[in-house]
Amino acid sequence: MYAGNLERAEAHYLGLLQAIGSDAYARAGLIALRTDRTDPLQVESSLKALLAAEPEAVPLILALGNQFARQGRWAEAQQAFFRAAAGDPDNPDIAFNLAVSLDRLHRSAEAIVYYGRALALAEHRVARFSPEVARLRLQQLAR
């Protein structure tokens, strides 16, 4: 998916779901793949329905937060990212997403903490966000 081969990624996610039946990572990945081709309200509704059945599924919570962020619904995104961070506190991408949402809400002091946390976590775990972008924003906020 991150390499841009969306058809192949979709086929793998569908295969996982067919084989396993209930995998939060596969469901969240499949929804993420289809986000640009699906009505945002339908995506949100699907994620909320899945979360009703599996309320602690971090990949689904993260996907919902990302959906809110795409819509500019930063307060809701921030809440979802806090929930996701509680379920996976060592995930640098969740910390980064939380920092961005706090930043967008003009909560600079908290954003600084989470940008720093994201960078620290990325030293020990693969991250998808750009460390250079995080460092730059951290420096801008610290001024």
N, C-alpha and C. Protein backbone atom coordinates (compact mmCIF):
# COMPACT_ATOMS: atom_id res chain seq x y z
N MET A 1 0.83 -1.18 0.00
CA MET A 1 0.00 0.00 0.00
C MET A 1 0.88 1.25 0.00
N TYR A 2 1.89 1.29 0.87
CA TYR A 2 2.73 2.49 0.97
C TYR A 2 3.65 2.64 -0.23
N ALA A 3 3.88 1.55 -0.95
CA ALA A 3 4.68 1.62 -2.17
C ALA A 3 3.85 2.08 -3.36
N GLY A 4 2.54 2.21 -3.17
CA GLY A 4 1.68 2.70 -4.22
C GLY A 4 1.01 1.63 -5.07
N ASN A 5 1.23 0.37 -4.75
CA ASN A 5 0.60 -0.71 -5.50
C ASN A 5 -0.73 -1.06 -4.82
N LEU A 6 -1.71 -0.22 -5.08
CA LEU A 6 -2.97 -0.31 -4.36
C LEU A 6 -3.79 -1.54 -4.71
N GLU A 7 -3.78 -1.94 -5.98
CA GLU A 7 -4.54 -3.13 -6.38
C GLU A 7 -3.99 -4.38 -5.70
N ARG A 8 -2.69 -4.49 -5.65
CA ARG A 8 -2.06 -5.66 -5.01
C ARG A 8 -2.32 -5.64 -3.50
N ALA A 9 -2.22 -4.46 -2.91
CA ALA A 9 -2.49 -4.34 -1.47
C ALA A 9 -3.93 -4.73 -1.17
N GLU A 10 -4.85 -4.26 -2.00
CA GLU A 10 -6.26 -4.59 -1.79
C GLU A 10 -6.49 -6.10 -1.89
N ALA A 11 -5.86 -6.73 -2.85
CA ALA A 11 -5.98 -8.18 -3.00
C ALA A 11 -5.44 -8.91 -1.77
N HIS A 12 -4.33 -8.44 -1.22
CA HIS A 12 -3.78 -9.07 -0.01
C HIS A 12 -4.69 -8.88 1.19
N TYR A 13 -5.21 -7.65 1.36
CA TYR A 13 -6.13 -7.42 2.47
C TYR A 13 -7.37 -8.28 2.35
N LEU A 14 -7.93 -8.38 1.15
CA LEU A 14 -9.11 -9.22 0.95
C LEU A 14 -8.80 -10.69 1.22
N GLY A 15 -7.62 -11.13 0.81
CA GLY A 15 -7.20 -12.50 1.09
C GLY A 15 -7.08 -12.76 2.58
N LEU A 16 -6.50 -11.80 3.30
CA LEU A 16 -6.39 -11.94 4.76
C LEU A 16 -7.76 -12.02 5.41
N LEU A 17 -8.65 -11.15 4.98
CA LEU A 17 -9.99 -11.16 5.57
C LEU A 17 -10.74 -12.45 5.25
N GLN A 18 -10.51 -12.98 4.06
CA GLN A 18 -11.16 -14.23 3.69
C GLN A 18 -10.59 -15.38 4.52
N ALA A 19 -9.29 -15.37 4.74
CA ALA A 19 -8.64 -16.45 5.48
C ALA A 19 -8.87 -16.35 6.99
N ILE A 20 -8.80 -15.14 7.51
CA ILE A 20 -8.88 -14.94 8.96
C ILE A 20 -10.28 -14.56 9.40
N GLY A 21 -10.93 -13.73 8.62
CA GLY A 21 -12.29 -13.32 8.94
C GLY A 21 -12.37 -12.03 9.74
N SER A 22 -11.56 -11.90 10.77
CA SER A 22 -11.66 -10.73 11.61
C SER A 22 -10.27 -10.25 11.99
N ASP A 23 -9.73 -9.37 11.18
CA ASP A 23 -8.41 -8.82 11.46
C ASP A 23 -8.50 -7.30 11.35
N ALA A 24 -8.32 -6.62 12.48
CA ALA A 24 -8.49 -5.17 12.53
C ALA A 24 -7.50 -4.46 11.60
N TYR A 25 -6.28 -4.98 11.51
CA TYR A 25 -5.29 -4.35 10.63
C TYR A 25 -5.71 -4.45 9.16
N ALA A 26 -6.20 -5.61 8.77
CA ALA A 26 -6.63 -5.80 7.38
C ALA A 26 -7.86 -4.94 7.08
N ARG A 27 -8.80 -4.90 8.01
CA ARG A 27 -10.00 -4.08 7.79
C ARG A 27 -9.65 -2.60 7.70
N ALA A 28 -8.79 -2.14 8.62
CA ALA A 28 -8.39 -0.73 8.59
C ALA A 28 -7.60 -0.41 7.32
N GLY A 29 -6.74 -1.32 6.90
CA GLY A 29 -5.97 -1.12 5.68
C GLY A 29 -6.86 -1.06 4.45
N LEU A 30 -7.81 -1.94 4.39
CA LEU A 30 -8.74 -1.96 3.25
C LEU A 30 -9.57 -0.68 3.20
N ILE A 31 -10.02 -0.23 4.35
CA ILE A 31 -10.78 1.02 4.41
C ILE A 31 -9.89 2.19 3.98
N ALA A 32 -8.65 2.20 4.44
CA ALA A 32 -7.71 3.27 4.07
C ALA A 32 -7.48 3.29 2.56
N LEU A 33 -7.38 2.11 1.96
CA LEU A 33 -7.20 2.03 0.52
C LEU A 33 -8.37 2.63 -0.25
N ARG A 34 -9.54 2.45 0.28
CA ARG A 34 -10.76 2.87 -0.41
C ARG A 34 -11.25 4.25 -0.01
N THR A 35 -10.57 4.90 0.92
CA THR A 35 -11.02 6.18 1.44
C THR A 35 -11.24 7.22 0.36
N ASP A 36 -10.33 7.31 -0.59
CA ASP A 36 -10.45 8.32 -1.65
C ASP A 36 -11.58 8.02 -2.62
N ARG A 37 -12.04 6.77 -2.65
CA ARG A 37 -13.09 6.37 -3.60
C ARG A 37 -14.44 6.20 -2.93
N THR A 38 -14.52 6.51 -1.64
CA THR A 38 -15.74 6.26 -0.88
C THR A 38 -16.18 7.55 -0.19
N ASP A 39 -17.47 7.72 -0.05
CA ASP A 39 -18.03 8.86 0.64
C ASP A 39 -17.48 8.92 2.07
N PRO A 40 -16.97 10.08 2.50
CA PRO A 40 -16.38 10.18 3.84
C PRO A 40 -17.33 9.77 4.96
N LEU A 41 -18.59 10.09 4.82
CA LEU A 41 -19.55 9.69 5.86
C LEU A 41 -19.74 8.18 5.90
N GLN A 42 -19.66 7.54 4.73
CA GLN A 42 -19.77 6.08 4.68
C GLN A 42 -18.54 5.45 5.34
N VAL A 43 -17.36 6.01 5.09
CA VAL A 43 -16.13 5.50 5.71
C VAL A 43 -16.24 5.63 7.23
N GLU A 44 -16.65 6.81 7.68
CA GLU A 44 -16.80 7.04 9.12
C GLU A 44 -17.80 6.06 9.73
N SER A 45 -18.92 5.89 9.06
CA SER A 45 -19.95 4.98 9.55
C SER A 45 -19.44 3.54 9.63
N SER A 46 -18.71 3.12 8.60
CA SER A 46 -18.15 1.76 8.60
C SER A 46 -17.17 1.57 9.75
N LEU A 47 -16.30 2.55 9.95
CA LEU A 47 -15.33 2.45 11.04
C LEU A 47 -16.02 2.41 12.40
N LYS A 48 -17.02 3.24 12.58
CA LYS A 48 -17.74 3.25 13.86
C LYS A 48 -18.47 1.94 14.10
N ALA A 49 -19.01 1.34 13.05
CA ALA A 49 -19.69 0.05 13.19
C ALA A 49 -18.68 -1.03 13.58
N LEU A 50 -17.53 -1.03 12.94
CA LEU A 50 -16.50 -2.00 13.28
C LEU A 50 -16.00 -1.80 14.71
N LEU A 51 -15.86 -0.53 15.11
CA LEU A 51 -15.41 -0.23 16.47
C LEU A 51 -16.45 -0.61 17.52
N ALA A 52 -17.71 -0.58 17.16
CA ALA A 52 -18.76 -0.99 18.10
C ALA A 52 -18.58 -2.45 18.47
N ALA A 53 -18.13 -3.25 17.50
CA ALA A 53 -17.91 -4.67 17.74
C ALA A 53 -16.54 -4.94 18.36
N GLU A 54 -15.59 -4.05 18.12
CA GLU A 54 -14.22 -4.24 18.60
C GLU A 54 -13.65 -2.89 19.06
N PRO A 55 -14.15 -2.38 20.21
CA PRO A 55 -13.84 -1.01 20.62
C PRO A 55 -12.37 -0.71 20.94
N GLU A 56 -11.57 -1.71 21.17
CA GLU A 56 -10.17 -1.49 21.52
C GLU A 56 -9.21 -1.73 20.35
N ALA A 57 -9.73 -1.90 19.15
CA ALA A 57 -8.91 -2.19 17.98
C ALA A 57 -8.17 -0.93 17.53
N VAL A 58 -6.91 -0.83 17.92
CA VAL A 58 -6.11 0.36 17.64
C VAL A 58 -6.07 0.71 16.16
N PRO A 59 -5.91 -0.26 15.24
CA PRO A 59 -5.88 0.12 13.83
C PRO A 59 -7.17 0.80 13.37
N LEU A 60 -8.30 0.37 13.92
CA LEU A 60 -9.58 0.98 13.56
C LEU A 60 -9.72 2.37 14.18
N ILE A 61 -9.27 2.51 15.41
CA ILE A 61 -9.30 3.82 16.08
C ILE A 61 -8.42 4.81 15.31
N LEU A 62 -7.23 4.34 14.93
CA LEU A 62 -6.32 5.18 14.16
C LEU A 62 -6.92 5.57 12.81
N ALA A 63 -7.54 4.61 12.15
CA ALA A 63 -8.18 4.89 10.85
C ALA A 63 -9.29 5.94 11.02
N LEU A 64 -10.05 5.84 12.10
CA LEU A 64 -11.10 6.82 12.36
C LEU A 64 -10.48 8.20 12.60
N GLY A 65 -9.41 8.25 13.37
CA GLY A 65 -8.73 9.52 13.60
C GLY A 65 -8.22 10.12 12.29
N ASN A 66 -7.66 9.28 11.44
CA ASN A 66 -7.19 9.75 10.14
C ASN A 66 -8.34 10.27 9.28
N GLN A 67 -9.48 9.60 9.37
CA GLN A 67 -10.66 10.04 8.63
C GLN A 67 -11.12 11.41 9.12
N PHE A 68 -11.16 11.60 10.42
CA PHE A 68 -11.52 12.90 10.97
C PHE A 68 -10.53 13.97 10.51
N ALA A 69 -9.24 13.64 10.53
CA ALA A 69 -8.21 14.60 10.11
C ALA A 69 -8.39 14.99 8.65
N ARG A 70 -8.70 14.02 7.78
CA ARG A 70 -8.93 14.33 6.37
C ARG A 70 -10.06 15.33 6.18
N GLN A 71 -11.02 15.29 7.10
CA GLN A 71 -12.17 16.18 7.03
C GLN A 71 -11.94 17.49 7.78
N GLY A 72 -10.76 17.63 8.40
CA GLY A 72 -10.47 18.84 9.17
C GLY A 72 -11.18 18.88 10.50
N ARG A 73 -11.62 17.75 10.97
CA ARG A 73 -12.32 17.64 12.25
C ARG A 73 -11.28 17.32 13.32
N TRP A 74 -10.47 18.33 13.65
CA TRP A 74 -9.27 18.13 14.46
C TRP A 74 -9.55 17.73 15.89
N ALA A 75 -10.59 18.24 16.51
CA ALA A 75 -10.89 17.87 17.89
C ALA A 75 -11.25 16.38 17.97
N GLU A 76 -12.03 15.91 17.03
CA GLU A 76 -12.40 14.49 17.01
C GLU A 76 -11.19 13.63 16.65
N ALA A 77 -10.37 14.12 15.73
CA ALA A 77 -9.14 13.39 15.37
C ALA A 77 -8.24 13.26 16.58
N GLN A 78 -8.07 14.36 17.30
CA GLN A 78 -7.22 14.34 18.49
C GLN A 78 -7.72 13.33 19.52
N GLN A 79 -9.02 13.28 19.73
CA GLN A 79 -9.58 12.31 20.68
C GLN A 79 -9.30 10.88 20.23
N ALA A 80 -9.48 10.62 18.94
CA ALA A 80 -9.21 9.28 18.43
C ALA A 80 -7.73 8.93 18.56
N PHE A 81 -6.85 9.88 18.26
CA PHE A 81 -5.41 9.62 18.37
C PHE A 81 -4.99 9.38 19.82
N PHE A 82 -5.62 10.09 20.77
CA PHE A 82 -5.34 9.82 22.19
C PHE A 82 -5.76 8.40 22.55
N ARG A 83 -6.92 7.97 22.05
CA ARG A 83 -7.38 6.59 22.30
C ARG A 83 -6.41 5.57 21.69
N ALA A 84 -5.98 5.85 20.46
CA ALA A 84 -5.05 4.94 19.79
C ALA A 84 -3.73 4.89 20.55
N ALA A 85 -3.25 6.05 21.02
CA ALA A 85 -1.99 6.11 21.77
C ALA A 85 -2.08 5.32 23.07
N ALA A 86 -3.25 5.32 23.69
CA ALA A 86 -3.43 4.54 24.91
C ALA A 86 -3.31 3.05 24.63
N GLY A 87 -3.76 2.64 23.45
CA GLY A 87 -3.70 1.22 23.08
C GLY A 87 -2.36 0.79 22.52
N ASP A 88 -1.59 1.73 22.00
CA ASP A 88 -0.27 1.42 21.41
C ASP A 88 0.66 2.59 21.71
N PRO A 89 1.08 2.73 22.98
CA PRO A 89 1.83 3.91 23.40
C PRO A 89 3.22 4.05 22.77
N ASP A 90 3.75 3.01 22.18
CA ASP A 90 5.08 3.07 21.59
C ASP A 90 5.06 3.25 20.08
N ASN A 91 3.92 3.59 19.52
CA ASN A 91 3.79 3.75 18.08
C ASN A 91 4.15 5.19 17.69
N PRO A 92 5.25 5.38 16.96
CA PRO A 92 5.67 6.75 16.63
C PRO A 92 4.68 7.47 15.70
N ASP A 93 4.02 6.74 14.82
CA ASP A 93 3.08 7.37 13.89
C ASP A 93 1.84 7.89 14.62
N ILE A 94 1.40 7.16 15.61
CA ILE A 94 0.26 7.64 16.40
C ILE A 94 0.67 8.89 17.16
N ALA A 95 1.86 8.89 17.76
CA ALA A 95 2.34 10.08 18.47
C ALA A 95 2.45 11.27 17.53
N PHE A 96 2.92 11.03 16.31
CA PHE A 96 3.03 12.12 15.34
C PHE A 96 1.65 12.64 14.96
N ASN A 97 0.71 11.74 14.67
CA ASN A 97 -0.65 12.17 14.32
C ASN A 97 -1.28 12.96 15.46
N LEU A 98 -1.02 12.53 16.67
CA LEU A 98 -1.54 13.25 17.83
C LEU A 98 -0.91 14.64 17.90
N ALA A 99 0.38 14.73 17.64
CA ALA A 99 1.06 16.03 17.64
C ALA A 99 0.46 16.96 16.60
N VAL A 100 0.23 16.44 15.40
CA VAL A 100 -0.36 17.26 14.33
C VAL A 100 -1.75 17.75 14.73
N SER A 101 -2.55 16.86 15.30
CA SER A 101 -3.91 17.28 15.68
C SER A 101 -3.86 18.34 16.78
N LEU A 102 -2.98 18.18 17.74
CA LEU A 102 -2.83 19.19 18.78
C LEU A 102 -2.33 20.51 18.19
N ASP A 103 -1.41 20.41 17.27
CA ASP A 103 -0.87 21.58 16.57
C ASP A 103 -2.00 22.32 15.85
N ARG A 104 -2.83 21.58 15.14
CA ARG A 104 -3.96 22.19 14.41
C ARG A 104 -4.98 22.83 15.35
N LEU A 105 -5.03 22.33 16.57
CA LEU A 105 -5.95 22.89 17.58
C LEU A 105 -5.29 24.03 18.37
N HIS A 106 -4.08 24.43 17.95
CA HIS A 106 -3.33 25.52 18.58
C HIS A 106 -2.96 25.22 20.03
N ARG A 107 -2.72 23.95 20.29
CA ARG A 107 -2.27 23.52 21.62
C ARG A 107 -0.78 23.20 21.51
N SER A 108 -0.01 24.28 21.30
CA SER A 108 1.41 24.16 20.96
C SER A 108 2.23 23.42 22.01
N ALA A 109 2.02 23.71 23.28
CA ALA A 109 2.83 23.07 24.32
C ALA A 109 2.66 21.55 24.29
N GLU A 110 1.43 21.10 24.11
CA GLU A 110 1.18 19.66 24.03
C GLU A 110 1.71 19.08 22.72
N ALA A 111 1.58 19.83 21.63
CA ALA A 111 2.10 19.37 20.34
C ALA A 111 3.60 19.17 20.42
N ILE A 112 4.30 20.07 21.08
CA ILE A 112 5.75 19.95 21.24
C ILE A 112 6.10 18.64 21.92
N VAL A 113 5.37 18.31 22.96
CA VAL A 113 5.62 17.06 23.69
C VAL A 113 5.47 15.86 22.76
N TYR A 114 4.40 15.85 21.97
CA TYR A 114 4.13 14.69 21.12
C TYR A 114 5.01 14.63 19.87
N TYR A 115 5.42 15.77 19.33
CA TYR A 115 6.39 15.73 18.24
C TYR A 115 7.71 15.13 18.77
N GLY A 116 8.11 15.56 19.95
CA GLY A 116 9.33 15.01 20.55
C GLY A 116 9.19 13.53 20.84
N ARG A 117 8.03 13.14 21.34
CA ARG A 117 7.79 11.72 21.62
C ARG A 117 7.83 10.89 20.34
N ALA A 118 7.21 11.41 19.29
CA ALA A 118 7.20 10.70 18.00
C ALA A 118 8.63 10.49 17.50
N LEU A 119 9.45 11.52 17.60
CA LEU A 119 10.84 11.41 17.16
C LEU A 119 11.62 10.40 18.01
N ALA A 120 11.40 10.44 19.31
CA ALA A 120 12.08 9.49 20.19
C ALA A 120 11.65 8.05 19.90
N LEU A 121 10.35 7.85 19.70
CA LEU A 121 9.85 6.50 19.41
C LEU A 121 10.35 6.00 18.06
N ALA A 122 10.51 6.92 17.11
CA ALA A 122 10.97 6.54 15.76
C ALA A 122 12.42 6.05 15.76
N GLU A 123 13.14 6.32 16.83
CA GLU A 123 14.51 5.80 16.94
C GLU A 123 14.53 4.30 17.20
N HIS A 124 13.41 3.76 17.69
CA HIS A 124 13.35 2.35 18.07
C HIS A 124 12.33 1.54 17.29
N ARG A 125 11.54 2.21 16.48
CA ARG A 125 10.48 1.52 15.74
C ARG A 125 10.27 2.24 14.41
N VAL A 126 10.05 1.51 13.37
CA VAL A 126 9.87 2.09 12.04
C VAL A 126 8.68 3.04 12.05
N ALA A 127 8.88 4.20 11.46
CA ALA A 127 7.83 5.20 11.38
C ALA A 127 7.60 5.59 9.93
N ARG A 128 6.37 5.96 9.62
CA ARG A 128 6.04 6.38 8.26
C ARG A 128 6.14 7.89 8.08
N PHE A 129 6.09 8.65 9.17
CA PHE A 129 6.17 10.09 9.04
C PHE A 129 7.62 10.50 8.78
N SER A 130 7.79 11.71 8.26
CA SER A 130 9.12 12.23 7.98
C SER A 130 9.71 12.85 9.25
N PRO A 131 10.79 12.28 9.76
CA PRO A 131 11.42 12.88 10.95
C PRO A 131 11.86 14.33 10.70
N GLU A 132 12.27 14.63 9.48
CA GLU A 132 12.70 16.00 9.17
C GLU A 132 11.53 16.98 9.34
N VAL A 133 10.36 16.58 8.88
CA VAL A 133 9.17 17.43 9.02
C VAL A 133 8.85 17.63 10.51
N ALA A 134 8.92 16.56 11.27
CA ALA A 134 8.63 16.65 12.70
C ALA A 134 9.65 17.55 13.41
N ARG A 135 10.92 17.39 13.09
CA ARG A 135 11.96 18.23 13.71
C ARG A 135 11.77 19.70 13.37
N LEU A 136 11.47 19.97 12.12
CA LEU A 136 11.25 21.35 11.69
C LEU A 136 10.07 21.98 12.42
N ARG A 137 8.98 21.25 12.50
CA ARG A 137 7.79 21.79 13.18
C ARG A 137 8.07 21.96 14.66
N LEU A 138 8.79 21.04 15.25
CA LEU A 138 9.16 21.13 16.65
C LEU A 138 9.98 22.40 16.89
N GLN A 139 10.93 22.68 16.02
CA GLN A 139 11.75 23.89 16.15
C GLN A 139 10.89 25.14 15.99
N GLN A 140 9.96 25.13 15.05
CA GLN A 140 9.08 26.28 14.84
C GLN A 140 8.22 26.55 16.07
N LEU A 141 7.70 25.51 16.65
CA LEU A 141 6.83 25.68 17.83
C LEU A 141 7.62 26.09 19.06
N ALA A 142 8.86 25.65 19.15
CA ALA A 142 9.68 25.93 20.33
C ALA A 142 10.14 27.40 20.39
N ARG A 143 10.01 28.11 19.28
CA ARG A 143 10.46 29.53 19.25
C ARG A 143 9.54 30.42 20.03
